[in-house]
Amino acid sequence: MAEKRFLTLADVGEVLNISSSQTYAIVRSGELPAIQVGGRGQWRVEASKLEEYISDAYERTAASIKELSSQVGEEIGS
């Protein structure tokens, strides 16, 4: 069976292991691009955008860890 192109916010929350309200907040902030579809304006996230978001999160985390390690090293060296 083909993989779905678009995911519901519930699907996204399940993938990221976060609550629906956290998922909605990420979408509303613009961190995770999404579209509204249908008469009721239900949110959908393209699977490729979710993968990009996850990849970016790994990069942000690695940069944050590197910066923190650098700060700790400076404090120890003082």
PDB file of N, CA and C in Angstrom:
ATOM      1  N   MET A   1       0.841  -1.182   0.000  1.00  0.00           N
ATOM      2  CA  MET A   1       0.000   0.000   0.000  1.00  0.00           C
ATOM      3  C   MET A   1       0.885   1.244   0.000  1.00  0.00           C
ATOM      4  N   ALA A   2       0.488   2.246  -0.772  1.00  0.00           N
ATOM      5  CA  ALA A   2       1.261   3.483  -0.875  1.00  0.00           C
ATOM      6  C   ALA A   2       1.184   4.280   0.420  1.00  0.00           C
ATOM      7  N   GLU A   3       2.273   4.964   0.719  1.00  0.00           N
ATOM      8  CA  GLU A   3       2.314   5.805   1.910  1.00  0.00           C
ATOM      9  C   GLU A   3       1.453   7.044   1.671  1.00  0.00           C
ATOM     10  N   LYS A   4       0.774   7.507   2.727  1.00  0.00           N
ATOM     11  CA  LYS A   4      -0.083   8.680   2.601  1.00  0.00           C
ATOM     12  C   LYS A   4       0.767   9.926   2.387  1.00  0.00           C
ATOM     13  N   ARG A   5       0.304  10.807   1.477  1.00  0.00           N
ATOM     14  CA  ARG A   5       1.013  12.061   1.236  1.00  0.00           C
ATOM     15  C   ARG A   5       0.758  13.049   2.365  1.00  0.00           C
ATOM     16  N   PHE A   6      -0.482  13.102   2.858  1.00  0.00           N
ATOM     17  CA  PHE A   6      -0.849  14.046   3.903  1.00  0.00           C
ATOM     18  C   PHE A   6      -1.241  13.320   5.182  1.00  0.00           C
ATOM     19  N   LEU A   7      -0.878  13.923   6.312  1.00  0.00           N
ATOM     20  CA  LEU A   7      -1.174  13.356   7.623  1.00  0.00           C
ATOM     21  C   LEU A   7      -2.067  14.309   8.401  1.00  0.00           C
ATOM     22  N   THR A   8      -2.923  13.754   9.232  1.00  0.00           N
ATOM     23  CA  THR A   8      -3.714  14.575  10.142  1.00  0.00           C
ATOM     24  C   THR A   8      -2.811  15.029  11.289  1.00  0.00           C
ATOM     25  N   LEU A   9      -3.288  16.000  12.069  1.00  0.00           N
ATOM     26  CA  LEU A   9      -2.511  16.425  13.230  1.00  0.00           C
ATOM     27  C   LEU A   9      -2.381  15.287  14.234  1.00  0.00           C
ATOM     28  N   ALA A  10      -3.402  14.438  14.314  1.00  0.00           N
ATOM     29  CA  ALA A  10      -3.321  13.273  15.201  1.00  0.00           C
ATOM     30  C   ALA A  10      -2.212  12.328  14.742  1.00  0.00           C
ATOM     31  N   ASP A  11      -2.108  12.124  13.425  1.00  0.00           N
ATOM     32  CA  ASP A  11      -1.036  11.284  12.875  1.00  0.00           C
ATOM     33  C   ASP A  11       0.334  11.868  13.212  1.00  0.00           C
ATOM     34  N   VAL A  12       0.465  13.184  13.031  1.00  0.00           N
ATOM     35  CA  VAL A  12       1.735  13.866  13.309  1.00  0.00           C
ATOM     36  C   VAL A  12       2.090  13.727  14.788  1.00  0.00           C
ATOM     37  N   GLY A  13       1.103  13.947  15.651  1.00  0.00           N
ATOM     38  CA  GLY A  13       1.325  13.810  17.086  1.00  0.00           C
ATOM     39  C   GLY A  13       1.783  12.417  17.458  1.00  0.00           C
ATOM     40  N   GLU A  14       1.216  11.429  16.795  1.00  0.00           N
ATOM     41  CA  GLU A  14       1.600  10.040  17.062  1.00  0.00           C
ATOM     42  C   GLU A  14       3.050   9.789  16.638  1.00  0.00           C
ATOM     43  N   VAL A  15       3.429  10.301  15.475  1.00  0.00           N
ATOM     44  CA  VAL A  15       4.803  10.131  14.990  1.00  0.00           C
ATOM     45  C   VAL A  15       5.795  10.792  15.939  1.00  0.00           C
ATOM     46  N   LEU A  16       5.462  12.008  16.401  1.00  0.00           N
ATOM     47  CA  LEU A  16       6.367  12.762  17.273  1.00  0.00           C
ATOM     48  C   LEU A  16       6.195  12.418  18.750  1.00  0.00           C
ATOM     49  N   ASN A  17       5.184  11.610  19.054  1.00  0.00           N
ATOM     50  CA  ASN A  17       4.875  11.228  20.434  1.00  0.00           C
ATOM     51  C   ASN A  17       4.601  12.462  21.310  1.00  0.00           C
ATOM     52  N   ILE A  18       3.746  13.357  20.769  1.00  0.00           N
ATOM     53  CA  ILE A  18       3.335  14.551  21.500  1.00  0.00           C
ATOM     54  C   ILE A  18       1.814  14.653  21.455  1.00  0.00           C
ATOM     55  N   SER A  19       1.260  15.519  22.290  1.00  0.00           N
ATOM     56  CA  SER A  19      -0.193  15.668  22.362  1.00  0.00           C
ATOM     57  C   SER A  19      -0.729  16.425  21.146  1.00  0.00           C
ATOM     58  N   SER A  20      -2.033  16.349  20.963  1.00  0.00           N
ATOM     59  CA  SER A  20      -2.687  17.072  19.876  1.00  0.00           C
ATOM     60  C   SER A  20      -2.492  18.572  20.025  1.00  0.00           C
ATOM     61  N   SER A  21      -2.572  19.074  21.257  1.00  0.00           N
ATOM     62  CA  SER A  21      -2.411  20.515  21.462  1.00  0.00           C
ATOM     63  C   SER A  21      -0.978  20.957  21.155  1.00  0.00           C
ATOM     64  N   GLN A  22       0.002  20.133  21.468  1.00  0.00           N
ATOM     65  CA  GLN A  22       1.391  20.462  21.127  1.00  0.00           C
ATOM     66  C   GLN A  22       1.582  20.460  19.611  1.00  0.00           C
ATOM     67  N   THR A  23       0.975  19.500  18.941  1.00  0.00           N
ATOM     68  CA  THR A  23       1.057  19.425  17.484  1.00  0.00           C
ATOM     69  C   THR A  23       0.432  20.662  16.866  1.00  0.00           C
ATOM     70  N   TYR A  24      -0.744  21.035  17.347  1.00  0.00           N
ATOM     71  CA  TYR A  24      -1.445  22.215  16.840  1.00  0.00           C
ATOM     72  C   TYR A  24      -0.594  23.466  17.053  1.00  0.00           C
ATOM     73  N   ALA A  25       0.051  23.586  18.201  1.00  0.00           N
ATOM     74  CA  ALA A  25       0.891  24.750  18.504  1.00  0.00           C
ATOM     75  C   ALA A  25       2.075  24.842  17.538  1.00  0.00           C
ATOM     76  N   ILE A  26       2.681  23.720  17.209  1.00  0.00           N
ATOM     77  CA  ILE A  26       3.809  23.704  16.272  1.00  0.00           C
ATOM     78  C   ILE A  26       3.353  24.164  14.891  1.00  0.00           C
ATOM     79  N   VAL A  27       2.178  23.717  14.479  1.00  0.00           N
ATOM     80  CA  VAL A  27       1.633  24.116  13.182  1.00  0.00           C
ATOM     81  C   VAL A  27       1.277  25.600  13.192  1.00  0.00           C
ATOM     82  N   ARG A  28       0.575  26.042  14.224  1.00  0.00           N
ATOM     83  CA  ARG A  28       0.143  27.449  14.301  1.00  0.00           C
ATOM     84  C   ARG A  28       1.328  28.408  14.381  1.00  0.00           C
ATOM     85  N   SER A  29       2.431  27.978  14.981  1.00  0.00           N
ATOM     86  CA  SER A  29       3.619  28.836  15.089  1.00  0.00           C
ATOM     87  C   SER A  29       4.353  28.964  13.752  1.00  0.00           C
ATOM     88  N   GLY A  30       4.043  28.060  12.820  1.00  0.00           N
ATOM     89  CA  GLY A  30       4.714  28.078  11.524  1.00  0.00           C
ATOM     90  C   GLY A  30       5.954  27.202  11.473  1.00  0.00           C
ATOM     91  N   GLU A  31       6.311  26.588  12.591  1.00  0.00           N
ATOM     92  CA  GLU A  31       7.481  25.696  12.613  1.00  0.00           C
ATOM     93  C   GLU A  31       7.297  24.512  11.677  1.00  0.00           C
ATOM     94  N   LEU A  32       6.073  24.007  11.630  1.00  0.00           N
ATOM     95  CA  LEU A  32       5.742  22.862  10.782  1.00  0.00           C
ATOM     96  C   LEU A  32       4.684  23.310   9.778  1.00  0.00           C
ATOM     97  N   PRO A  33       5.058  23.441   8.501  1.00  0.00           N
ATOM     98  CA  PRO A  33       4.094  23.887   7.498  1.00  0.00           C
ATOM     99  C   PRO A  33       2.923  22.915   7.369  1.00  0.00           C
ATOM    100  N   ALA A  34       1.727  23.479   7.231  1.00  0.00           N
ATOM    101  CA  ALA A  34       0.519  22.669   7.082  1.00  0.00           C
ATOM    102  C   ALA A  34      -0.490  23.445   6.248  1.00  0.00           C
ATOM    103  N   ILE A  35      -1.495  22.742   5.786  1.00  0.00           N
ATOM    104  CA  ILE A  35      -2.578  23.385   5.041  1.00  0.00           C
ATOM    105  C   ILE A  35      -3.903  23.058   5.716  1.00  0.00           C
ATOM    106  N   GLN A  36      -4.888  23.921   5.471  1.00  0.00           N
ATOM    107  CA  GLN A  36      -6.238  23.645   5.942  1.00  0.00           C
ATOM    108  C   GLN A  36      -7.063  23.200   4.746  1.00  0.00           C
ATOM    109  N   VAL A  37      -7.825  22.137   4.927  1.00  0.00           N
ATOM    110  CA  VAL A  37      -8.621  21.580   3.838  1.00  0.00           C
ATOM    111  C   VAL A  37     -10.064  21.389   4.284  1.00  0.00           C
ATOM    112  N   GLY A  38     -10.938  21.323   3.311  1.00  0.00           N
ATOM    113  CA  GLY A  38     -12.336  21.036   3.599  1.00  0.00           C
ATOM    114  C   GLY A  38     -13.078  22.223   4.184  1.00  0.00           C
ATOM    115  N   GLY A  39     -14.378  22.063   4.263  1.00  0.00           N
ATOM    116  CA  GLY A  39     -15.247  23.117   4.766  1.00  0.00           C
ATOM    117  C   GLY A  39     -15.013  23.454   6.221  1.00  0.00           C
ATOM    118  N   ARG A  40     -14.492  22.521   6.972  1.00  0.00           N
ATOM    119  CA  ARG A  40     -14.261  22.739   8.401  1.00  0.00           C
ATOM    120  C   ARG A  40     -12.822  23.150   8.695  1.00  0.00           C
ATOM    121  N   GLY A  41     -12.012  23.302   7.656  1.00  0.00           N
ATOM    122  CA  GLY A  41     -10.644  23.773   7.824  1.00  0.00           C
ATOM    123  C   GLY A  41      -9.753  22.833   8.613  1.00  0.00           C
ATOM    124  N   GLN A  42      -9.878  21.553   8.369  1.00  0.00           N
ATOM    125  CA  GLN A  42      -9.037  20.585   9.073  1.00  0.00           C
ATOM    126  C   GLN A  42      -7.600  20.687   8.573  1.00  0.00           C
ATOM    127  N   TRP A  43      -6.666  20.570   9.491  1.00  0.00           N
ATOM    128  CA  TRP A  43      -5.251  20.695   9.166  1.00  0.00           C
ATOM    129  C   TRP A  43      -4.692  19.391   8.610  1.00  0.00           C
ATOM    130  N   ARG A  44      -3.792  19.539   7.626  1.00  0.00           N
ATOM    131  CA  ARG A  44      -3.063  18.404   7.068  1.00  0.00           C
ATOM    132  C   ARG A  44      -1.602  18.808   6.903  1.00  0.00           C
ATOM    133  N   VAL A  45      -0.717  17.873   7.197  1.00  0.00           N
ATOM    134  CA  VAL A  45       0.722  18.089   7.072  1.00  0.00           C
ATOM    135  C   VAL A  45       1.250  17.113   6.033  1.00  0.00           C
ATOM    136  N   GLU A  46       1.979  17.637   5.073  1.00  0.00           N
ATOM    137  CA  GLU A  46       2.565  16.773   4.060  1.00  0.00           C
ATOM    138  C   GLU A  46       3.672  15.937   4.709  1.00  0.00           C
ATOM    139  N   ALA A  47       3.697  14.656   4.412  1.00  0.00           N
ATOM    140  CA  ALA A  47       4.663  13.739   5.031  1.00  0.00           C
ATOM    141  C   ALA A  47       6.099  14.221   4.832  1.00  0.00           C
ATOM    142  N   SER A  48       6.401  14.753   3.654  1.00  0.00           N
ATOM    143  CA  SER A  48       7.765  15.237   3.394  1.00  0.00           C
ATOM    144  C   SER A  48       8.107  16.432   4.280  1.00  0.00           C
ATOM    145  N   LYS A  49       7.121  17.287   4.592  1.00  0.00           N
ATOM    146  CA  LYS A  49       7.350  18.436   5.484  1.00  0.00           C
ATOM    147  C   LYS A  49       7.611  17.963   6.908  1.00  0.00           C
ATOM    148  N   LEU A  50       6.927  16.905   7.316  1.00  0.00           N
ATOM    149  CA  LEU A  50       7.170  16.341   8.643  1.00  0.00           C
ATOM    150  C   LEU A  50       8.592  15.790   8.722  1.00  0.00           C
ATOM    151  N   GLU A  51       9.034  15.099   7.684  1.00  0.00           N
ATOM    152  CA  GLU A  51      10.398  14.563   7.664  1.00  0.00           C
ATOM    153  C   GLU A  51      11.428  15.689   7.705  1.00  0.00           C
ATOM    154  N   GLU A  52      11.160  16.794   6.984  1.00  0.00           N
ATOM    155  CA  GLU A  52      12.053  17.959   7.025  1.00  0.00           C
ATOM    156  C   GLU A  52      12.089  18.547   8.433  1.00  0.00           C
ATOM    157  N   TYR A  53      10.928  18.641   9.074  1.00  0.00           N
ATOM    158  CA  TYR A  53      10.844  19.172  10.434  1.00  0.00           C
ATOM    159  C   TYR A  53      11.681  18.318  11.392  1.00  0.00           C
ATOM    160  N   ILE A  54      11.566  17.010  11.268  1.00  0.00           N
ATOM    161  CA  ILE A  54      12.327  16.097  12.128  1.00  0.00           C
ATOM    162  C   ILE A  54      13.825  16.255  11.869  1.00  0.00           C
ATOM    163  N   SER A  55      14.223  16.329  10.615  1.00  0.00           N
ATOM    164  CA  SER A  55      15.631  16.509  10.262  1.00  0.00           C
ATOM    165  C   SER A  55      16.167  17.823  10.827  1.00  0.00           C
ATOM    166  N   ASP A  56      15.389  18.895  10.674  1.00  0.00           N
ATOM    167  CA  ASP A  56      15.786  20.200  11.226  1.00  0.00           C
ATOM    168  C   ASP A  56      15.901  20.141  12.745  1.00  0.00           C
ATOM    169  N   ALA A  57      15.005  19.412  13.387  1.00  0.00           N
ATOM    170  CA  ALA A  57      15.041  19.284  14.847  1.00  0.00           C
ATOM    171  C   ALA A  57      16.329  18.584  15.287  1.00  0.00           C
ATOM    172  N   TYR A  58      16.753  17.570  14.538  1.00  0.00           N
ATOM    173  CA  TYR A  58      18.023  16.903  14.841  1.00  0.00           C
ATOM    174  C   TYR A  58      19.184  17.888  14.716  1.00  0.00           C
ATOM    175  N   GLU A  59      19.168  18.701  13.658  1.00  0.00           N
ATOM    176  CA  GLU A  59      20.242  19.677  13.448  1.00  0.00           C
ATOM    177  C   GLU A  59      20.257  20.726  14.561  1.00  0.00           C
ATOM    178  N   ARG A  60      19.080  21.239  14.942  1.00  0.00           N
ATOM    179  CA  ARG A  60      18.994  22.227  16.023  1.00  0.00           C
ATOM    180  C   ARG A  60      19.491  21.626  17.336  1.00  0.00           C
ATOM    181  N   THR A  61      19.115  20.388  17.590  1.00  0.00           N
ATOM    182  CA  THR A  61      19.530  19.721  18.824  1.00  0.00           C
ATOM    183  C   THR A  61      21.043  19.532  18.855  1.00  0.00           C
ATOM    184  N   ALA A  62      21.617  19.091  17.746  1.00  0.00           N
ATOM    185  CA  ALA A  62      23.070  18.891  17.676  1.00  0.00           C
ATOM    186  C   ALA A  62      23.806  20.211  17.888  1.00  0.00           C
ATOM    187  N   ALA A  63      23.317  21.282  17.273  1.00  0.00           N
ATOM    188  CA  ALA A  63      23.949  22.596  17.436  1.00  0.00           C
ATOM    189  C   ALA A  63      23.845  23.066  18.881  1.00  0.00           C
ATOM    190  N   SER A  64      22.698  22.828  19.497  1.00  0.00           N
ATOM    191  CA  SER A  64      22.485  23.223  20.887  1.00  0.00           C
ATOM    192  C   SER A  64      23.419  22.458  21.822  1.00  0.00           C
ATOM    193  N   ILE A  65      23.570  21.168  21.580  1.00  0.00           N
ATOM    194  CA  ILE A  65      24.463  20.338  22.401  1.00  0.00           C
ATOM    195  C   ILE A  65      25.909  20.795  22.229  1.00  0.00           C
ATOM    196  N   LYS A  66      26.290  21.088  20.988  1.00  0.00           N
ATOM    197  CA  LYS A  66      27.652  21.545  20.722  1.00  0.00           C
ATOM    198  C   LYS A  66      27.919  22.865  21.447  1.00  0.00           C
ATOM    199  N   GLU A  67      26.955  23.780  21.390  1.00  0.00           N
ATOM    200  CA  GLU A  67      27.110  25.070  22.065  1.00  0.00           C
ATOM    201  C   GLU A  67      27.190  24.884  23.578  1.00  0.00           C
ATOM    202  N   LEU A  68      26.333  24.026  24.113  1.00  0.00           N
ATOM    203  CA  LEU A  68      26.343  23.763  25.550  1.00  0.00           C
ATOM    204  C   LEU A  68      27.673  23.139  25.980  1.00  0.00           C
ATOM    205  N   SER A  69      28.179  22.201  25.198  1.00  0.00           N
ATOM    206  CA  SER A  69      29.467  21.567  25.504  1.00  0.00           C
ATOM    207  C   SER A  69      30.586  22.597  25.495  1.00  0.00           C
ATOM    208  N   SER A  70      30.520  23.519  24.555  1.00  0.00           N
ATOM    209  CA  SER A  70      31.522  24.577  24.463  1.00  0.00           C
ATOM    210  C   SER A  70      31.473  25.475  25.692  1.00  0.00           C
ATOM    211  N   GLN A  71      30.273  25.828  26.128  1.00  0.00           N
ATOM    212  CA  GLN A  71      30.114  26.677  27.311  1.00  0.00           C
ATOM    213  C   GLN A  71      30.621  25.969  28.565  1.00  0.00           C
ATOM    214  N   VAL A  72      30.314  24.698  28.692  1.00  0.00           N
ATOM    215  CA  VAL A  72      30.772  23.921  29.851  1.00  0.00           C
ATOM    216  C   VAL A  72      32.293  23.834  29.836  1.00  0.00           C
ATOM    217  N   GLY A  73      32.875  23.619  28.664  1.00  0.00           N
ATOM    218  CA  GLY A  73      34.327  23.553  28.535  1.00  0.00           C
ATOM    219  C   GLY A  73      34.988  24.861  28.938  1.00  0.00           C
ATOM    220  N   GLU A  74      34.374  25.985  28.565  1.00  0.00           N
ATOM    221  CA  GLU A  74      34.911  27.294  28.938  1.00  0.00           C
ATOM    222  C   GLU A  74      34.835  27.494  30.448  1.00  0.00           C
ATOM    223  N   GLU A  75      33.733  27.059  31.057  1.00  0.00           N
ATOM    224  CA  GLU A  75      33.571  27.210  32.502  1.00  0.00           C
ATOM    225  C   GLU A  75      34.580  26.346  33.258  1.00  0.00           C
ATOM    226  N   ILE A  76      34.823  25.164  32.767  1.00  0.00           N
ATOM    227  CA  ILE A  76      35.776  24.260  33.419  1.00  0.00           C
ATOM    228  C   ILE A  76      37.193  24.807  33.263  1.00  0.00           C
ATOM    229  N   GLY A  77      37.480  25.391  32.103  1.00  0.00           N
ATOM    230  CA  GLY A  77      38.805  25.931  31.836  1.00  0.00           C
ATOM    231  C   GLY A  77      39.099  27.219  32.589  1.00  0.00           C
ATOM    232  N   SER A  78      38.072  27.865  33.138  1.00  0.00           N
ATOM    233  CA  SER A  78      38.262  29.146  33.842  1.00  0.00           C
ATOM    234  C   SER A  78      38.913  28.970  35.181  1.00  0.00           C
TER     235      SER A  78
END
